[in-house]
Amino acid sequence: MASRVLFNSQLTSAVKRAGVRFQTTSSVSGAEFVAQRDAMKAHAAPAAGTWKKISIFVCIPALLAAGINAYNLAEAHEAHMAHHPREYVKYPYINVRGKDFFWGKESLFFNPKVNFSAEE
């Protein structure tokens, strides 16, 4: 019992110290803190401008080009699949279910353009 009280008091005091340390600021006063923050902003301004330009003039066009490429590839794939449809082979282990879902035979992620129906 005495060890539990000792442990709880040590734990409580440690938590209180951590909270006080977390809530207090350093020994820097308010005016000094503002001056340090402004100096950091002035020091970081050129790098921030560089990264802003990189984001606008490199990343956005690269994302647009990648999106256009993905769209063109998807369209070409759809056209190819229209000429060469997939064959359905009914393996005995496909769509094995003990009972149907409460919304029907198909799973929640069923897509009739891609998946074969359990009815077939």
N, C-alpha and C. Protein backbone atom coordinates (compact mmCIF):
# COMPACT_ATOMS: atom_id res chain seq x y z
N MET A 1 0.83 -1.19 0.00
CA MET A 1 0.00 0.00 0.00
C MET A 1 0.87 1.25 0.00
N ALA A 2 1.90 1.23 0.84
CA ALA A 2 2.78 2.40 0.92
C ALA A 2 3.50 2.62 -0.40
N SER A 3 3.87 1.51 -1.07
CA SER A 3 4.56 1.66 -2.36
C SER A 3 3.62 2.25 -3.41
N ARG A 4 2.34 1.87 -3.36
CA ARG A 4 1.37 2.41 -4.31
C ARG A 4 1.18 3.91 -4.10
N VAL A 5 1.09 4.34 -2.86
CA VAL A 5 0.94 5.76 -2.56
C VAL A 5 2.17 6.52 -3.00
N LEU A 6 3.35 5.94 -2.75
CA LEU A 6 4.59 6.58 -3.15
C LEU A 6 4.67 6.68 -4.67
N PHE A 7 4.31 5.59 -5.38
CA PHE A 7 4.35 5.60 -6.83
C PHE A 7 3.35 6.62 -7.39
N ASN A 8 2.13 6.63 -6.85
CA ASN A 8 1.11 7.57 -7.33
C ASN A 8 1.54 9.01 -7.11
N SER A 9 2.14 9.30 -5.97
CA SER A 9 2.57 10.68 -5.71
C SER A 9 3.72 11.06 -6.63
N GLN A 10 4.64 10.11 -6.91
CA GLN A 10 5.73 10.41 -7.84
C GLN A 10 5.19 10.61 -9.25
N LEU A 11 4.24 9.77 -9.64
CA LEU A 11 3.65 9.88 -10.97
C LEU A 11 2.89 11.21 -11.11
N THR A 12 2.13 11.55 -10.08
CA THR A 12 1.37 12.80 -10.12
C THR A 12 2.30 14.00 -10.20
N SER A 13 3.36 13.99 -9.43
CA SER A 13 4.29 15.13 -9.46
C SER A 13 5.01 15.20 -10.80
N ALA A 14 5.33 14.03 -11.39
CA ALA A 14 6.00 14.03 -12.69
C ALA A 14 5.07 14.58 -13.76
N VAL A 15 3.79 14.20 -13.72
CA VAL A 15 2.83 14.70 -14.70
C VAL A 15 2.64 16.21 -14.53
N LYS A 16 2.57 16.66 -13.30
CA LYS A 16 2.42 18.09 -13.05
C LYS A 16 3.62 18.87 -13.58
N ARG A 17 4.84 18.33 -13.34
CA ARG A 17 6.04 19.01 -13.84
C ARG A 17 6.04 19.05 -15.36
N ALA A 18 5.65 17.94 -16.00
CA ALA A 18 5.62 17.91 -17.46
C ALA A 18 4.62 18.91 -18.00
N GLY A 19 3.46 19.02 -17.33
CA GLY A 19 2.46 19.98 -17.77
C GLY A 19 2.93 21.41 -17.61
N VAL A 20 3.61 21.69 -16.52
CA VAL A 20 4.12 23.04 -16.30
C VAL A 20 5.19 23.36 -17.32
N ARG A 21 6.06 22.40 -17.58
CA ARG A 21 7.11 22.62 -18.57
C ARG A 21 6.51 22.84 -19.94
N PHE A 22 5.45 22.11 -20.26
CA PHE A 22 4.83 22.23 -21.57
C PHE A 22 4.13 23.58 -21.72
N GLN A 23 3.53 24.07 -20.64
CA GLN A 23 2.73 25.27 -20.73
C GLN A 23 3.56 26.55 -20.63
N THR A 24 4.72 26.48 -20.07
CA THR A 24 5.52 27.69 -19.93
C THR A 24 6.32 27.93 -21.19
N THR A 25 6.66 29.19 -21.42
CA THR A 25 7.53 29.54 -22.53
C THR A 25 8.95 29.60 -22.03
N SER A 26 9.86 29.80 -22.95
CA SER A 26 11.26 29.89 -22.53
C SER A 26 11.48 31.22 -21.81
N SER A 27 12.72 31.48 -21.47
CA SER A 27 13.03 32.68 -20.71
C SER A 27 12.98 33.94 -21.57
N VAL A 28 12.63 33.78 -22.84
CA VAL A 28 12.58 34.92 -23.76
C VAL A 28 11.29 35.69 -23.50
N SER A 29 11.38 37.00 -23.44
CA SER A 29 10.19 37.82 -23.20
C SER A 29 9.38 37.94 -24.49
N GLY A 30 8.21 38.57 -24.40
CA GLY A 30 7.32 38.69 -25.54
C GLY A 30 7.93 39.46 -26.70
N ALA A 31 8.60 40.58 -26.43
CA ALA A 31 9.19 41.39 -27.49
C ALA A 31 10.35 40.66 -28.16
N GLU A 32 11.15 39.95 -27.36
CA GLU A 32 12.26 39.20 -27.92
C GLU A 32 11.75 38.05 -28.79
N PHE A 33 10.66 37.41 -28.35
CA PHE A 33 10.07 36.32 -29.12
C PHE A 33 9.59 36.82 -30.48
N VAL A 34 8.91 37.95 -30.49
CA VAL A 34 8.42 38.53 -31.75
C VAL A 34 9.58 38.89 -32.65
N ALA A 35 10.65 39.43 -32.08
CA ALA A 35 11.82 39.78 -32.88
C ALA A 35 12.47 38.54 -33.48
N GLN A 36 12.56 37.46 -32.68
CA GLN A 36 13.13 36.22 -33.20
C GLN A 36 12.25 35.63 -34.31
N ARG A 37 10.94 35.67 -34.10
CA ARG A 37 10.02 35.14 -35.11
C ARG A 37 10.12 35.93 -36.41
N ASP A 38 10.20 37.25 -36.33
CA ASP A 38 10.34 38.08 -37.53
C ASP A 38 11.67 37.82 -38.23
N ALA A 39 12.73 37.60 -37.45
CA ALA A 39 14.03 37.29 -38.05
C ALA A 39 13.98 35.95 -38.78
N MET A 40 13.29 34.98 -38.19
CA MET A 40 13.16 33.68 -38.85
C MET A 40 12.35 33.79 -40.14
N LYS A 41 11.29 34.60 -40.12
CA LYS A 41 10.50 34.81 -41.33
C LYS A 41 11.33 35.46 -42.42
N ALA A 42 12.12 36.45 -42.06
CA ALA A 42 12.96 37.14 -43.05
C ALA A 42 14.02 36.19 -43.61
N HIS A 43 14.55 35.32 -42.76
CA HIS A 43 15.56 34.37 -43.20
C HIS A 43 14.95 33.32 -44.13
N ALA A 44 13.69 32.90 -43.86
CA ALA A 44 13.06 31.83 -44.63
C ALA A 44 12.33 32.33 -45.87
N ALA A 45 12.17 33.64 -46.02
CA ALA A 45 11.39 34.18 -47.15
C ALA A 45 11.94 33.78 -48.52
N PRO A 46 13.25 33.86 -48.78
CA PRO A 46 13.73 33.45 -50.11
C PRO A 46 13.47 31.97 -50.40
N ALA A 47 13.68 31.11 -49.42
CA ALA A 47 13.44 29.68 -49.63
C ALA A 47 11.96 29.41 -49.84
N ALA A 48 11.11 30.09 -49.11
CA ALA A 48 9.67 29.92 -49.29
C ALA A 48 9.24 30.35 -50.68
N GLY A 49 9.81 31.44 -51.17
CA GLY A 49 9.50 31.90 -52.52
C GLY A 49 9.95 30.90 -53.57
N THR A 50 11.13 30.32 -53.35
CA THR A 50 11.64 29.31 -54.28
C THR A 50 10.71 28.11 -54.34
N TRP A 51 10.28 27.61 -53.18
CA TRP A 51 9.40 26.44 -53.15
C TRP A 51 8.02 26.76 -53.71
N LYS A 52 7.57 27.98 -53.53
CA LYS A 52 6.28 28.38 -54.11
C LYS A 52 6.37 28.36 -55.64
N LYS A 53 7.46 28.88 -56.19
CA LYS A 53 7.65 28.87 -57.64
C LYS A 53 7.77 27.45 -58.17
N ILE A 54 8.50 26.59 -57.45
CA ILE A 54 8.62 25.19 -57.86
C ILE A 54 7.25 24.52 -57.86
N SER A 55 6.45 24.79 -56.84
CA SER A 55 5.13 24.18 -56.76
C SER A 55 4.24 24.63 -57.91
N ILE A 56 4.28 25.91 -58.23
CA ILE A 56 3.39 26.44 -59.27
C ILE A 56 3.87 26.08 -60.66
N PHE A 57 5.16 26.22 -60.93
CA PHE A 57 5.65 26.08 -62.31
C PHE A 57 6.20 24.69 -62.64
N VAL A 58 6.37 23.82 -61.64
CA VAL A 58 6.88 22.47 -61.91
C VAL A 58 5.85 21.41 -61.51
N CYS A 59 5.39 21.45 -60.28
CA CYS A 59 4.53 20.39 -59.77
C CYS A 59 3.16 20.37 -60.43
N ILE A 60 2.52 21.53 -60.55
CA ILE A 60 1.18 21.57 -61.14
C ILE A 60 1.21 21.12 -62.60
N PRO A 61 2.13 21.63 -63.45
CA PRO A 61 2.17 21.11 -64.82
C PRO A 61 2.52 19.62 -64.89
N ALA A 62 3.38 19.14 -64.00
CA ALA A 62 3.72 17.71 -63.99
C ALA A 62 2.50 16.87 -63.62
N LEU A 63 1.71 17.33 -62.66
CA LEU A 63 0.49 16.61 -62.29
C LEU A 63 -0.52 16.63 -63.43
N LEU A 64 -0.65 17.75 -64.10
CA LEU A 64 -1.57 17.82 -65.25
C LEU A 64 -1.12 16.88 -66.36
N ALA A 65 0.18 16.86 -66.66
CA ALA A 65 0.69 15.96 -67.70
C ALA A 65 0.47 14.50 -67.31
N ALA A 66 0.69 14.16 -66.06
CA ALA A 66 0.48 12.79 -65.61
C ALA A 66 -1.00 12.42 -65.69
N GLY A 67 -1.88 13.35 -65.36
CA GLY A 67 -3.31 13.09 -65.45
C GLY A 67 -3.77 12.87 -66.88
N ILE A 68 -3.27 13.69 -67.80
CA ILE A 68 -3.61 13.55 -69.22
C ILE A 68 -3.08 12.22 -69.75
N ASN A 69 -1.86 11.85 -69.37
CA ASN A 69 -1.29 10.57 -69.78
C ASN A 69 -2.12 9.40 -69.25
N ALA A 70 -2.53 9.46 -68.00
CA ALA A 70 -3.34 8.38 -67.42
C ALA A 70 -4.69 8.28 -68.13
N TYR A 71 -5.29 9.41 -68.45
CA TYR A 71 -6.57 9.40 -69.16
C TYR A 71 -6.41 8.78 -70.55
N ASN A 72 -5.37 9.16 -71.27
CA ASN A 72 -5.14 8.61 -72.61
C ASN A 72 -4.89 7.10 -72.55
N LEU A 73 -4.12 6.65 -71.57
CA LEU A 73 -3.87 5.23 -71.41
C LEU A 73 -5.15 4.47 -71.08
N ALA A 74 -6.00 5.04 -70.23
CA ALA A 74 -7.25 4.39 -69.87
C ALA A 74 -8.18 4.29 -71.07
N GLU A 75 -8.23 5.35 -71.88
CA GLU A 75 -9.06 5.32 -73.09
C GLU A 75 -8.55 4.27 -74.07
N ALA A 76 -7.25 4.19 -74.26
CA ALA A 76 -6.67 3.19 -75.17
C ALA A 76 -6.96 1.78 -74.66
N HIS A 77 -6.90 1.59 -73.36
CA HIS A 77 -7.18 0.28 -72.78
C HIS A 77 -8.65 -0.09 -72.98
N GLU A 78 -9.56 0.86 -72.77
CA GLU A 78 -10.99 0.60 -72.99
C GLU A 78 -11.26 0.22 -74.44
N ALA A 79 -10.62 0.93 -75.37
CA ALA A 79 -10.81 0.62 -76.79
C ALA A 79 -10.27 -0.77 -77.11
N HIS A 80 -9.14 -1.12 -76.54
CA HIS A 80 -8.56 -2.44 -76.76
C HIS A 80 -9.47 -3.53 -76.18
N MET A 81 -10.00 -3.30 -74.98
CA MET A 81 -10.85 -4.30 -74.35
C MET A 81 -12.19 -4.45 -75.08
N ALA A 82 -12.64 -3.41 -75.79
CA ALA A 82 -13.87 -3.52 -76.57
C ALA A 82 -13.68 -4.49 -77.73
N HIS A 83 -12.48 -4.55 -78.32
CA HIS A 83 -12.19 -5.46 -79.42
C HIS A 83 -11.85 -6.86 -78.94
N HIS A 84 -11.31 -6.98 -77.74
CA HIS A 84 -10.88 -8.27 -77.20
C HIS A 84 -11.50 -8.48 -75.82
N PRO A 85 -12.76 -8.87 -75.76
CA PRO A 85 -13.37 -9.07 -74.43
C PRO A 85 -12.75 -10.27 -73.73
N ARG A 86 -12.79 -10.23 -72.41
CA ARG A 86 -12.22 -11.32 -71.62
C ARG A 86 -13.15 -12.52 -71.65
N GLU A 87 -12.58 -13.70 -71.61
CA GLU A 87 -13.36 -14.92 -71.51
C GLU A 87 -13.62 -15.21 -70.04
N TYR A 88 -14.83 -15.69 -69.78
CA TYR A 88 -15.17 -16.03 -68.41
C TYR A 88 -15.01 -17.54 -68.23
N VAL A 89 -14.19 -17.93 -67.29
CA VAL A 89 -14.03 -19.33 -66.95
C VAL A 89 -14.61 -19.51 -65.55
N LYS A 90 -15.61 -20.33 -65.44
CA LYS A 90 -16.27 -20.51 -64.15
C LYS A 90 -15.51 -21.57 -63.33
N TYR A 91 -14.56 -21.10 -62.56
CA TYR A 91 -13.82 -22.00 -61.69
C TYR A 91 -14.69 -22.34 -60.48
N PRO A 92 -14.49 -23.50 -59.87
CA PRO A 92 -15.37 -23.89 -58.75
C PRO A 92 -15.15 -23.05 -57.49
N TYR A 93 -14.05 -22.34 -57.40
CA TYR A 93 -13.77 -21.56 -56.19
C TYR A 93 -14.15 -20.09 -56.33
N ILE A 94 -14.71 -19.69 -57.46
CA ILE A 94 -15.12 -18.29 -57.65
C ILE A 94 -16.55 -18.13 -57.16
N ASN A 95 -16.81 -17.07 -56.43
CA ASN A 95 -18.13 -16.72 -55.89
C ASN A 95 -18.72 -17.82 -55.02
N VAL A 96 -17.89 -18.44 -54.20
CA VAL A 96 -18.39 -19.44 -53.26
C VAL A 96 -18.86 -18.69 -52.02
N ARG A 97 -20.15 -18.83 -51.72
CA ARG A 97 -20.71 -18.16 -50.54
C ARG A 97 -21.65 -19.12 -49.84
N GLY A 98 -21.65 -19.09 -48.53
CA GLY A 98 -22.57 -19.93 -47.76
C GLY A 98 -23.99 -19.44 -47.89
N LYS A 99 -24.15 -18.13 -47.93
CA LYS A 99 -25.47 -17.54 -48.14
C LYS A 99 -25.26 -16.19 -48.82
N ASP A 100 -26.31 -15.69 -49.43
CA ASP A 100 -26.21 -14.42 -50.15
C ASP A 100 -26.09 -13.26 -49.17
N PHE A 101 -25.56 -12.15 -49.69
CA PHE A 101 -25.55 -10.92 -48.90
C PHE A 101 -26.99 -10.43 -48.77
N PHE A 102 -27.26 -9.57 -47.81
CA PHE A 102 -28.63 -9.12 -47.64
C PHE A 102 -29.08 -8.20 -48.77
N TRP A 103 -28.14 -7.70 -49.62
CA TRP A 103 -28.51 -6.88 -50.76
C TRP A 103 -28.52 -7.67 -52.07
N GLY A 104 -28.12 -8.92 -52.04
CA GLY A 104 -28.15 -9.75 -53.25
C GLY A 104 -26.95 -10.67 -53.32
N LYS A 105 -26.70 -11.21 -54.51
CA LYS A 105 -25.61 -12.17 -54.69
C LYS A 105 -24.25 -11.50 -54.87
N GLU A 106 -24.23 -10.29 -55.34
CA GLU A 106 -22.96 -9.61 -55.65
C GLU A 106 -22.36 -8.98 -54.41
N SER A 107 -21.03 -8.89 -54.41
CA SER A 107 -20.34 -8.28 -53.27
C SER A 107 -20.55 -6.77 -53.28
N LEU A 108 -20.08 -6.13 -52.25
CA LEU A 108 -20.27 -4.69 -52.11
C LEU A 108 -19.50 -3.92 -53.18
N PHE A 109 -18.39 -4.47 -53.66
CA PHE A 109 -17.55 -3.79 -54.64
C PHE A 109 -17.74 -4.33 -56.05
N PHE A 110 -18.89 -4.91 -56.35
CA PHE A 110 -19.16 -5.49 -57.66
C PHE A 110 -19.27 -4.39 -58.70
N ASN A 111 -18.58 -4.58 -59.83
CA ASN A 111 -18.64 -3.65 -60.95
C ASN A 111 -18.95 -4.49 -62.19
N PRO A 112 -20.13 -4.31 -62.81
CA PRO A 112 -20.49 -5.17 -63.94
C PRO A 112 -19.60 -4.98 -65.16
N LYS A 113 -18.88 -3.86 -65.25
CA LYS A 113 -17.98 -3.66 -66.39
C LYS A 113 -16.70 -4.47 -66.24
N VAL A 114 -16.35 -4.81 -65.02
CA VAL A 114 -15.06 -5.47 -64.77
C VAL A 114 -15.26 -6.89 -64.24
N ASN A 115 -16.21 -7.08 -63.33
CA ASN A 115 -16.39 -8.37 -62.66
C ASN A 115 -17.47 -9.19 -63.36
N PHE A 116 -17.36 -10.50 -63.23
CA PHE A 116 -18.38 -11.40 -63.74
C PHE A 116 -19.39 -11.65 -62.64
N SER A 117 -20.62 -11.77 -63.02
CA SER A 117 -21.70 -11.91 -62.06
C SER A 117 -21.68 -13.30 -61.44
N ALA A 118 -22.16 -13.40 -60.21
CA ALA A 118 -22.26 -14.69 -59.54
C ALA A 118 -23.40 -15.51 -60.15
N GLU A 119 -24.30 -14.85 -60.85
CA GLU A 119 -25.43 -15.53 -61.48
C GLU A 119 -24.98 -16.37 -62.68
N GLU A 120 -23.90 -15.98 -63.34
CA GLU A 120 -23.48 -16.65 -64.57
C GLU A 120 -22.90 -18.01 -64.30
